[in-house]
Protein backbone atom coordinates (compact mmCIF):
# COMPACT_ATOMS: atom_id res chain seq x y z
CA UNK A 1 212.81 -103.69 -77.18
CA UNK A 2 210.86 -100.71 -78.48
CA UNK A 3 207.05 -100.79 -78.47
CA UNK A 4 205.63 -97.82 -80.33
CA UNK A 5 202.23 -96.53 -81.29
CA UNK A 6 202.17 -96.48 -85.08
CA UNK A 7 201.46 -92.75 -85.30
CA UNK A 8 204.52 -91.78 -83.22
CA UNK A 9 206.88 -92.26 -86.16
CA UNK A 10 204.84 -89.80 -88.22
CA UNK A 11 204.58 -87.23 -85.44
CA UNK A 12 208.26 -87.24 -84.43
CA UNK A 13 210.55 -86.45 -87.37
CA UNK A 14 213.78 -88.03 -86.04
CA UNK A 15 212.01 -91.17 -84.80
CA UNK A 16 214.28 -93.68 -86.52
CA UNK A 17 217.56 -92.16 -85.41
CA UNK A 18 216.50 -91.41 -81.85
CA UNK A 19 214.41 -94.48 -81.03
CA UNK A 20 214.53 -97.40 -83.50
CA UNK A 21 218.25 -97.63 -84.21
CA UNK A 22 219.68 -100.91 -82.80
CA UNK A 23 216.39 -102.00 -81.19
CA UNK A 24 213.85 -104.68 -81.89
CA UNK A 25 210.70 -102.71 -82.67
CA UNK A 26 207.03 -103.61 -82.34
CA UNK A 27 204.46 -101.18 -83.68
CA UNK A 28 200.72 -101.12 -83.20
CA UNK A 29 197.59 -99.13 -82.47
CA UNK A 30 195.31 -100.26 -79.64
CA UNK A 31 192.43 -98.28 -81.16
CA UNK A 32 192.63 -99.77 -84.65
CA UNK A 33 194.13 -103.25 -84.13
CA UNK A 34 191.78 -106.07 -83.22
CA UNK A 35 193.98 -108.04 -80.81
CA UNK A 36 194.98 -108.38 -77.18
CA UNK A 37 198.46 -106.88 -76.96
CA UNK A 38 199.07 -107.87 -73.33
CA UNK A 39 198.84 -111.60 -74.07
CA UNK A 40 201.17 -111.39 -77.06
CA UNK A 41 203.66 -109.20 -75.24
CA UNK A 42 203.63 -111.50 -72.21
CA UNK A 43 204.67 -114.42 -74.41
CA UNK A 44 207.40 -112.37 -76.08
CA UNK A 45 208.77 -111.35 -72.68
CA UNK A 46 208.61 -114.89 -71.29
CA UNK A 47 210.29 -116.54 -74.28
CA UNK A 48 213.08 -114.04 -74.92
CA UNK A 49 215.89 -112.34 -73.06
CA UNK A 50 214.65 -108.79 -73.29
CA UNK A 51 217.02 -106.38 -71.53
CA UNK A 52 214.72 -103.35 -71.43
CA UNK A 53 211.43 -102.06 -72.79
CA UNK A 54 210.73 -98.58 -74.10
CA UNK A 55 207.15 -97.61 -74.86
CA UNK A 56 206.58 -94.64 -77.14
CA UNK A 57 203.05 -93.34 -77.25
CA UNK A 58 201.19 -90.23 -78.25
CA UNK A 59 199.58 -87.94 -75.68
CA UNK A 60 196.11 -88.93 -76.91
CA UNK A 61 193.89 -91.13 -74.69
CA UNK A 62 193.74 -94.11 -77.06
CA UNK A 63 197.50 -94.63 -76.68
CA UNK A 64 196.90 -95.34 -73.01
CA UNK A 65 195.82 -98.80 -74.11
CA UNK A 66 199.33 -99.53 -75.38
CA UNK A 67 200.89 -98.42 -72.10
CA UNK A 68 198.38 -100.50 -70.13
CA UNK A 69 199.11 -103.60 -72.23
CA UNK A 70 202.85 -103.30 -71.60
CA UNK A 71 202.33 -102.86 -67.85
CA UNK A 72 200.11 -105.94 -67.78
CA UNK A 73 202.56 -107.98 -69.87
CA UNK A 74 205.47 -107.08 -67.61
CA UNK A 75 203.45 -108.14 -64.57
CA UNK A 76 202.29 -111.37 -66.21
CA UNK A 77 205.77 -112.32 -67.41
CA UNK A 78 207.02 -112.19 -63.81
CA UNK A 79 210.31 -110.75 -65.02
CA UNK A 80 212.04 -107.69 -63.65
CA UNK A 81 212.88 -105.66 -66.74
CA UNK A 82 213.73 -101.96 -66.76
CA UNK A 83 211.21 -99.99 -68.76
CA UNK A 84 210.26 -96.45 -69.62
CA UNK A 85 207.48 -94.54 -71.31
CA UNK A 86 208.09 -91.70 -73.74
CA UNK A 87 205.14 -89.48 -74.65
CA UNK A 88 205.03 -87.55 -77.92
CA UNK A 89 202.73 -84.54 -78.35
CA UNK A 90 200.41 -84.16 -81.31
CA UNK A 91 202.74 -81.46 -82.64
CA UNK A 92 205.78 -83.76 -82.54
CA UNK A 93 207.52 -82.85 -79.30
CA UNK A 94 208.76 -85.21 -76.60
CA UNK A 95 206.64 -84.40 -73.54
CA UNK A 96 207.86 -87.04 -71.09
CA UNK A 97 210.98 -89.13 -71.20
């Protein structure tokens, strides 16, 4: 499963080919969306057989909320699922993978 900040697809030109292809994708913005991501993600993880989770976020501080929600959801689901965080710079480069 891919969980991406909505702005990442605009910042990284080859986003679809590199990240979305063949993955279930959830997109959101913790700064602009009025919801509790961790609770929703916990339920998704509990009710489905998710093999891995990739979080793609921007380097900006507000995207930290997305990363935090995924960490919390993984803990709350009580499942051991491999996961990774990919950070995109504001100029469209992959900083951490």
